[in-house]
C-alpha atoms as a PDB file:
ATOM      1  CA  MET A   1     -35.431  30.659  -2.579  1.00  0.00           C
ATOM      2  CA  ASN A   2     -36.001  26.967  -3.160  1.00  0.00           C
ATOM      3  CA  GLU A   3     -33.596  26.968  -6.070  1.00  0.00           C
ATOM      4  CA  GLN A   4     -30.839  28.495  -3.913  1.00  0.00           C
ATOM      5  CA  LYS A   5     -31.310  25.810  -1.254  1.00  0.00           C
ATOM      6  CA  LEU A   6     -31.070  23.127  -3.911  1.00  0.00           C
ATOM      7  CA  LYS A   7     -27.814  24.606  -5.276  1.00  0.00           C
ATOM      8  CA  LYS A   8     -26.319  24.704  -1.753  1.00  0.00           C
ATOM      9  CA  GLN A   9     -27.296  21.085  -1.166  1.00  0.00           C
ATOM     10  CA  ASN A  10     -25.803  20.057  -4.513  1.00  0.00           C
ATOM     11  CA  ARG A  11     -22.536  21.848  -3.683  1.00  0.00           C
ATOM     12  CA  LEU A  12     -22.445  20.168  -0.292  1.00  0.00           C
ATOM     13  CA  VAL A  13     -22.986  16.736  -1.845  1.00  0.00           C
ATOM     14  CA  VAL A  14     -20.234  17.357  -4.414  1.00  0.00           C
ATOM     15  CA  ILE A  15     -17.829  18.513  -1.694  1.00  0.00           C
ATOM     16  CA  ILE A  16     -18.578  15.458   0.452  1.00  0.00           C
ATOM     17  CA  LEU A  17     -18.090  13.118  -2.510  1.00  0.00           C
ATOM     18  CA  LEU A  18     -14.772  14.790  -3.368  1.00  0.00           C
ATOM     19  CA  LEU A  19     -13.591  14.478   0.237  1.00  0.00           C
ATOM     20  CA  LEU A  20     -14.517  10.799   0.287  1.00  0.00           C
ATOM     21  CA  LEU A  21     -12.682  10.253  -2.998  1.00  0.00           C
ATOM     22  CA  VAL A  22      -9.550  12.017  -1.751  1.00  0.00           C
ATOM     23  CA  ALA A  23      -9.653  10.079   1.547  1.00  0.00           C
ATOM     24  CA  GLY A  24     -10.057   6.779  -0.323  1.00  0.00           C
ATOM     25  CA  LEU A  25      -7.130   7.550  -2.607  1.00  0.00           C
ATOM     26  CA  ALA A  26      -4.969   8.552   0.362  1.00  0.00           C
ATOM     27  CA  ILE A  27      -5.758   5.308   2.190  1.00  0.00           C
ATOM     28  CA  HIS A  28      -5.031   3.305  -0.968  1.00  0.00           C
ATOM     29  CA  GLN A  29      -1.665   5.049  -1.404  1.00  0.00           C
ATOM     30  CA  TYR A  30      -0.760   4.423   2.249  1.00  0.00           C
ATOM     31  CA  PHE A  31      -1.559   0.720   1.955  1.00  0.00           C
ATOM     32  CA  ASN A  32       0.575   0.460  -1.196  1.00  0.00           C
ATOM     33  CA  TYR A  33       3.425   2.207   0.618  1.00  0.00           C
ATOM     34  CA  ALA A  34       3.080  -0.039   3.695  1.00  0.00           C
ATOM     35  CA  LEU A  35       3.145  -3.233   1.588  1.00  0.00           C
ATOM     36  CA  ARG A  36       6.591  -2.414   0.167  1.00  0.00           C
ATOM     37  CA  PRO A  37       9.882  -3.583   1.706  1.00  0.00           C
ATOM     38  CA  VAL A  38      11.152  -1.545   4.648  1.00  0.00           C
ATOM     39  CA  ASP A  39      14.769  -1.244   3.429  1.00  0.00           C
ATOM     40  CA  LEU A  40      15.906  -2.428   0.004  1.00  0.00           C
ATOM     41  CA  ALA A  41      19.580  -1.754   0.834  1.00  0.00           C
ATOM     42  CA  ASN A  42      19.715  -3.916   3.988  1.00  0.00           C
ATOM     43  CA  GLN A  43      20.263  -7.563   2.988  1.00  0.00           C
ATOM     44  CA  GLN A  44      20.823  -8.703   6.577  1.00  0.00           C
ATOM     45  CA  ARG A  45      18.475 -11.441   7.757  1.00  0.00           C
ATOM     46  CA  VAL A  46      16.597 -11.080  11.045  1.00  0.00           C
ATOM     47  CA  THR A  47      15.543 -14.119  13.065  1.00  0.00           C
ATOM     48  CA  VAL A  48      11.901 -13.946  14.119  1.00  0.00           C
ATOM     49  CA  THR A  49      10.256 -16.406  16.475  1.00  0.00           C
ATOM     50  CA  ILE A  50       6.517 -16.891  16.025  1.00  0.00           C
ATOM     51  CA  PRO A  51       5.004 -18.588  19.091  1.00  0.00           C
ATOM     52  CA  ARG A  52       2.507 -21.383  18.748  1.00  0.00           C
ATOM     53  CA  GLY A  53      -1.072 -20.065  18.626  1.00  0.00           C
ATOM     54  CA  ALA A  54      -0.075 -16.459  17.837  1.00  0.00           C
ATOM     55  CA  THR A  55      -2.863 -14.369  16.329  1.00  0.00           C
ATOM     56  CA  ASP A  56      -2.445 -12.302  13.164  1.00  0.00           C
ATOM     57  CA  ASP A  57      -2.248  -9.149  15.297  1.00  0.00           C
ATOM     58  CA  GLU A  58       0.453 -10.653  17.532  1.00  0.00           C
ATOM     59  CA  VAL A  59       2.503 -11.721  14.505  1.00  0.00           C
ATOM     60  CA  ALA A  60       2.142  -8.246  13.000  1.00  0.00           C
ATOM     61  CA  LYS A  61       3.325  -6.651  16.256  1.00  0.00           C
ATOM     62  CA  ILE A  62       6.384  -8.936  16.374  1.00  0.00           C
ATOM     63  CA  LEU A  63       7.291  -8.029  12.782  1.00  0.00           C
ATOM     64  CA  LYS A  64       6.831  -4.313  13.462  1.00  0.00           C
ATOM     65  CA  GLU A  65       9.084  -4.523  16.538  1.00  0.00           C
ATOM     66  CA  LYS A  66      11.764  -6.226  14.416  1.00  0.00           C
ATOM     67  CA  GLN A  67      11.328  -3.454  11.797  1.00  0.00           C
ATOM     68  CA  LEU A  68      10.368  -5.929   9.069  1.00  0.00           C
ATOM     69  CA  VAL A  69       7.076  -4.216   8.184  1.00  0.00           C
ATOM     70  CA  ARG A  70       6.095  -0.554   8.031  1.00  0.00           C
ATOM     71  CA  SER A  71       2.684  -1.012   9.674  1.00  0.00           C
ATOM     72  CA  ALA A  72       1.463  -3.750  11.989  1.00  0.00           C
ATOM     73  CA  TYR A  73      -2.126  -2.853  11.077  1.00  0.00           C
ATOM     74  CA  VAL A  74      -1.525  -3.207   7.329  1.00  0.00           C
ATOM     75  CA  PHE A  75       0.303  -6.526   7.810  1.00  0.00           C
ATOM     76  CA  SER A  76      -2.496  -7.890   9.998  1.00  0.00           C
ATOM     77  CA  TYR A  77      -5.113  -6.723   7.490  1.00  0.00           C
ATOM     78  CA  TYR A  78      -3.128  -8.284   4.629  1.00  0.00           C
ATOM     79  CA  LEU A  79      -2.955 -11.610   6.477  1.00  0.00           C
ATOM     80  CA  GLN A  80      -6.675 -11.597   7.154  1.00  0.00           C
ATOM     81  CA  THR A  81      -7.542 -10.877   3.529  1.00  0.00           C
ATOM     82  CA  HIS A  82      -4.898 -12.964   1.744  1.00  0.00           C
ATOM     83  CA  LYS A  83      -4.320 -15.907   4.053  1.00  0.00           C
ATOM     84  CA  THR A  84      -4.257 -19.258   2.308  1.00  0.00           C
ATOM     85  CA  LYS A  85      -2.911 -21.142   5.344  1.00  0.00           C
ATOM     86  CA  GLY A  86      -2.343 -20.140   8.929  1.00  0.00           C
ATOM     87  CA  VAL A  87       0.921 -18.586  10.036  1.00  0.00           C
ATOM     88  CA  LYS A  88       3.249 -21.339  11.186  1.00  0.00           C
ATOM     89  CA  ALA A  89       4.987 -21.330  14.549  1.00  0.00           C
ATOM     90  CA  GLY A  90       8.760 -21.455  14.610  1.00  0.00           C
ATOM     91  CA  LYS A  91      11.849 -19.434  13.787  1.00  0.00           C
ATOM     92  CA  PHE A  92      12.069 -17.613  10.487  1.00  0.00           C
ATOM     93  CA  LYS A  93      14.945 -15.730   8.907  1.00  0.00           C
ATOM     94  CA  LEU A  94      13.419 -12.710   7.206  1.00  0.00           C
ATOM     95  CA  ALA A  95      14.949  -9.694   5.492  1.00  0.00           C
ATOM     96  CA  ARG A  96      13.962  -6.043   5.402  1.00  0.00           C
ATOM     97  CA  THR A  97      14.150  -6.331   1.616  1.00  0.00           C
ATOM     98  CA  GLN A  98      11.024  -8.517   1.608  1.00  0.00           C
ATOM     99  CA  SER A  99       7.601  -7.043   0.925  1.00  0.00           C
ATOM    100  CA  VAL A 100       4.557  -7.806   3.059  1.00  0.00           C
ATOM    101  CA  PRO A 101       3.250 -10.399   0.539  1.00  0.00           C
ATOM    102  CA  GLN A 102       6.659 -12.144   0.517  1.00  0.00           C
ATOM    103  CA  ILE A 103       6.855 -12.217   4.320  1.00  0.00           C
ATOM    104  CA  ALA A 104       3.268 -13.469   4.618  1.00  0.00           C
ATOM    105  CA  THR A 105       3.951 -16.282   2.145  1.00  0.00           C
ATOM    106  CA  GLU A 106       7.092 -17.307   4.011  1.00  0.00           C
ATOM    107  CA  LEU A 107       5.322 -17.296   7.397  1.00  0.00           C
ATOM    108  CA  GLN A 108       2.619 -19.567   5.994  1.00  0.00           C
ATOM    109  CA  SER A 109       5.167 -22.083   4.704  1.00  0.00           C
ATOM    110  CA  SER A 110       6.091 -24.923   7.036  1.00  0.00           C
ATOM    111  CA  ARG A 111       9.283 -25.420   5.000  1.00  0.00           C
ATOM    112  CA  ALA A 112      10.536 -21.967   6.012  1.00  0.00           C
ATOM    113  CA  ALA A 113       9.932 -22.511   9.754  1.00  0.00           C
ATOM    114  CA  LYS A 114      12.860 -23.816  11.771  1.00  0.00           C
ATOM    115  CA  ARG A 115      11.744 -25.540  14.918  1.00  0.00           C
END
């Protein structure tokens, strides 16, 4: 009887570990997808105004509304984990062909901001 209980517990542990692995891989794939450009065929530039003192979440929401990023959450997370400088205030001309890392770099550059 004890041996049967142990086998059930082992199966349960293996199933839980497999579910965690699958969930982790799915999240990783989604983040990779969300970091890519929204539309590689659309070269048109979109003017985005970042207000002074905007938080990472506010900037992400603005970019999502302008359809420049696939996920506001992923953009905000990317900024928080890869920020070298703060996002600058001003007007930026961004394209849907830019990836999240490219947009983040441009938003952190004072040369790109038009006041």
